[in-house]
Amino acid sequence: MKKILMLHGINHNMFGKRDPAQYGTITLAEIDGHMQKLGKELGVEVVSFQTNCEGAMCERIHQGFLDQVNAVVINAGAWTHYSYGIRDALAILTCPVVEIHMSNIHAREEFRHHSVFGEIVKGQICGFGLDSYLLGLRAAVSAAG
């Protein structure tokens, strides 16, 4: 069975409480539940990980490389815009990486318009709330072949 690694970034443990105008009221546990359900429908295992520590995120990406995951879906949150450490860790991967965001990062503050991951990911999906995650998982499964 193919394994897809779902990486949740900084502050995502606060979904459901944090800025509902941008992120809605869905919690991280609910997002993961939807990802698990869709993963079963698509015949893949979805392994989720969330951290507020940049080093822990890099270490989990390294473990994904060692585990030979078939694809990665990442919503790195604010790290998307400045973390070259996470970018370099993602670049180690030999599987497809799909970047997602719940909000439309291009319709927000200017600093959010640029992703340091853009050059190394297979594609980006943003602005669709929960559906960004589900579309990202579908794209990752498709890209993994």
Protein backbone atom coordinates (compact mmCIF):
# COMPACT_ATOMS: atom_id res chain seq x y z
CA MET A 1 0.00 0.00 0.00
CA LYS A 2 1.32 3.43 -0.90
CA LYS A 3 2.16 5.72 1.99
CA ILE A 4 1.47 9.46 1.81
CA LEU A 5 3.04 11.70 4.46
CA MET A 6 0.83 14.65 5.48
CA LEU A 7 2.88 17.40 7.11
CA HIS A 8 1.14 20.14 9.09
CA GLY A 9 3.21 23.16 10.04
CA ILE A 10 3.45 25.80 12.65
CA ASN A 11 0.27 26.87 14.49
CA HIS A 12 -1.89 24.27 12.76
CA ASN A 13 -2.67 22.67 16.09
CA MET A 14 -4.72 25.84 16.66
CA PHE A 15 -7.04 25.32 13.67
CA GLY A 16 -10.61 25.76 14.86
CA LYS A 17 -9.55 28.53 17.24
CA ARG A 18 -7.18 30.62 15.11
CA ASP A 19 -8.54 33.32 12.76
CA PRO A 20 -11.76 31.62 11.63
CA ALA A 21 -12.18 34.21 8.84
CA GLN A 22 -9.10 32.74 7.13
CA TYR A 23 -9.16 29.13 8.32
CA GLY A 24 -12.76 28.36 9.26
CA THR A 25 -13.68 26.40 12.36
CA ILE A 26 -12.42 22.96 11.35
CA THR A 27 -9.87 21.44 13.71
CA LEU A 28 -6.66 19.64 12.81
CA ALA A 29 -8.15 16.37 14.10
CA GLU A 30 -11.13 16.84 11.77
CA ILE A 31 -8.82 17.57 8.82
CA ASP A 32 -6.83 14.43 9.58
CA GLY A 33 -10.07 12.44 9.80
CA HIS A 34 -11.10 13.61 6.33
CA MET A 35 -7.64 12.77 5.01
CA GLN A 36 -7.81 9.27 6.51
CA LYS A 37 -11.26 8.69 4.97
CA LEU A 38 -10.17 9.83 1.52
CA GLY A 39 -6.93 7.86 1.83
CA LYS A 40 -8.93 4.68 2.39
CA GLU A 41 -11.10 5.46 -0.65
CA LEU A 42 -7.95 5.98 -2.74
CA GLY A 43 -6.26 2.84 -1.35
CA VAL A 44 -3.36 4.63 0.35
CA GLU A 45 -2.16 5.04 3.91
CA VAL A 46 -2.03 8.63 5.14
CA VAL A 47 0.41 9.34 7.97
CA SER A 48 -0.04 12.78 9.55
CA PHE A 49 2.46 14.82 11.52
CA GLN A 50 2.21 18.30 13.05
CA THR A 51 4.83 20.33 14.84
CA ASN A 52 5.55 23.89 15.86
CA CYS A 53 9.31 23.18 15.81
CA GLU A 54 11.18 23.68 12.55
CA GLY A 55 13.89 21.16 13.43
CA ALA A 56 11.29 18.49 14.22
CA MET A 57 9.68 19.13 10.82
CA CYS A 58 13.04 18.64 9.08
CA GLU A 59 13.66 15.44 11.04
CA ARG A 60 10.23 14.08 10.05
CA ILE A 61 10.95 14.85 6.41
CA HIS A 62 14.28 13.02 6.72
CA GLN A 63 12.42 10.05 8.23
CA GLY A 64 9.99 10.15 5.31
CA PHE A 65 12.97 9.84 2.97
CA LEU A 66 14.33 6.87 4.94
CA ASP A 67 10.85 5.28 5.02
CA GLN A 68 10.59 5.77 1.24
CA VAL A 69 7.15 7.40 1.40
CA ASN A 70 5.45 7.57 -1.97
CA ALA A 71 4.47 11.25 -1.75
CA VAL A 72 4.29 14.18 0.66
CA VAL A 73 1.54 16.74 1.12
CA ILE A 74 2.71 19.76 3.11
CA ASN A 75 0.98 22.77 4.57
CA ALA A 76 3.95 24.41 6.26
CA GLY A 77 2.05 27.53 7.26
CA ALA A 78 4.27 30.58 7.70
CA TRP A 79 7.41 28.45 7.16
CA THR A 80 6.40 28.36 3.50
CA HIS A 81 7.60 31.91 3.08
CA TYR A 82 11.01 31.80 4.74
CA SER A 83 12.21 28.35 5.85
CA TYR A 84 15.13 27.40 3.68
CA GLY A 85 15.88 24.61 6.17
CA ILE A 86 12.54 22.92 5.45
CA ARG A 87 12.97 23.64 1.74
CA ASP A 88 16.36 21.90 1.76
CA ALA A 89 14.92 18.93 3.67
CA LEU A 90 12.08 18.62 1.12
CA ALA A 91 14.63 18.77 -1.71
CA ILE A 92 16.20 15.56 -0.35
CA LEU A 93 13.00 13.66 -1.10
CA THR A 94 12.78 11.62 -4.31
CA CYS A 95 8.98 11.44 -4.25
CA PRO A 96 6.44 14.05 -5.37
CA VAL A 97 5.69 16.88 -2.92
CA VAL A 98 2.43 18.82 -3.08
CA GLU A 99 2.23 22.17 -1.25
CA ILE A 100 -1.17 23.20 0.06
CA HIS A 101 -2.73 26.09 1.99
CA MET A 102 -6.24 26.51 3.35
CA SER A 103 -6.31 30.22 2.52
CA ASN A 104 -5.45 31.88 -0.76
CA ILE A 105 -1.90 33.03 0.04
CA HIS A 106 -1.93 35.30 -3.03
CA ALA A 107 -4.88 37.29 -1.69
CA ARG A 108 -3.27 37.95 1.68
CA GLU A 109 -0.32 39.97 2.95
CA GLU A 110 2.43 40.45 0.39
CA PHE A 111 4.99 38.39 2.31
CA ARG A 112 2.69 35.36 1.90
CA HIS A 113 2.70 35.59 -1.91
CA HIS A 114 6.06 33.84 -2.25
CA SER A 115 6.80 30.21 -1.42
CA VAL A 116 10.42 29.18 -0.94
CA PHE A 117 9.23 25.64 -1.77
CA GLY A 118 7.78 26.61 -5.16
CA GLU A 119 10.77 25.52 -7.23
CA ILE A 120 10.94 22.03 -5.76
CA VAL A 121 7.30 20.98 -5.32
CA LYS A 122 5.23 19.19 -7.93
CA GLY A 123 2.46 21.75 -7.53
CA GLN A 124 0.58 24.08 -5.20
CA ILE A 125 -3.06 24.23 -4.14
CA CYS A 126 -4.44 27.10 -2.08
CA GLY A 127 -7.61 28.87 -1.10
CA PHE A 128 -10.07 26.00 -0.77
CA GLY A 129 -10.05 25.34 2.98
CA LEU A 130 -10.45 21.64 3.73
CA ASP A 131 -10.71 20.92 0.02
CA SER A 132 -7.12 22.13 -0.42
CA TYR A 133 -6.08 19.13 1.68
CA LEU A 134 -8.30 16.69 -0.19
CA LEU A 135 -7.25 18.00 -3.60
CA GLY A 136 -3.63 17.86 -2.44
CA LEU A 137 -3.99 14.23 -1.42
CA ARG A 138 -5.58 13.34 -4.76
CA ALA A 139 -2.77 15.15 -6.59
CA ALA A 140 -0.10 13.40 -4.50
CA VAL A 141 -1.58 9.96 -5.14
CA SER A 142 -1.80 10.69 -8.85
CA ALA A 143 1.77 12.01 -9.00
CA ALA A 144 3.05 8.98 -7.09
CA GLY A 145 1.70 6.79 -9.87
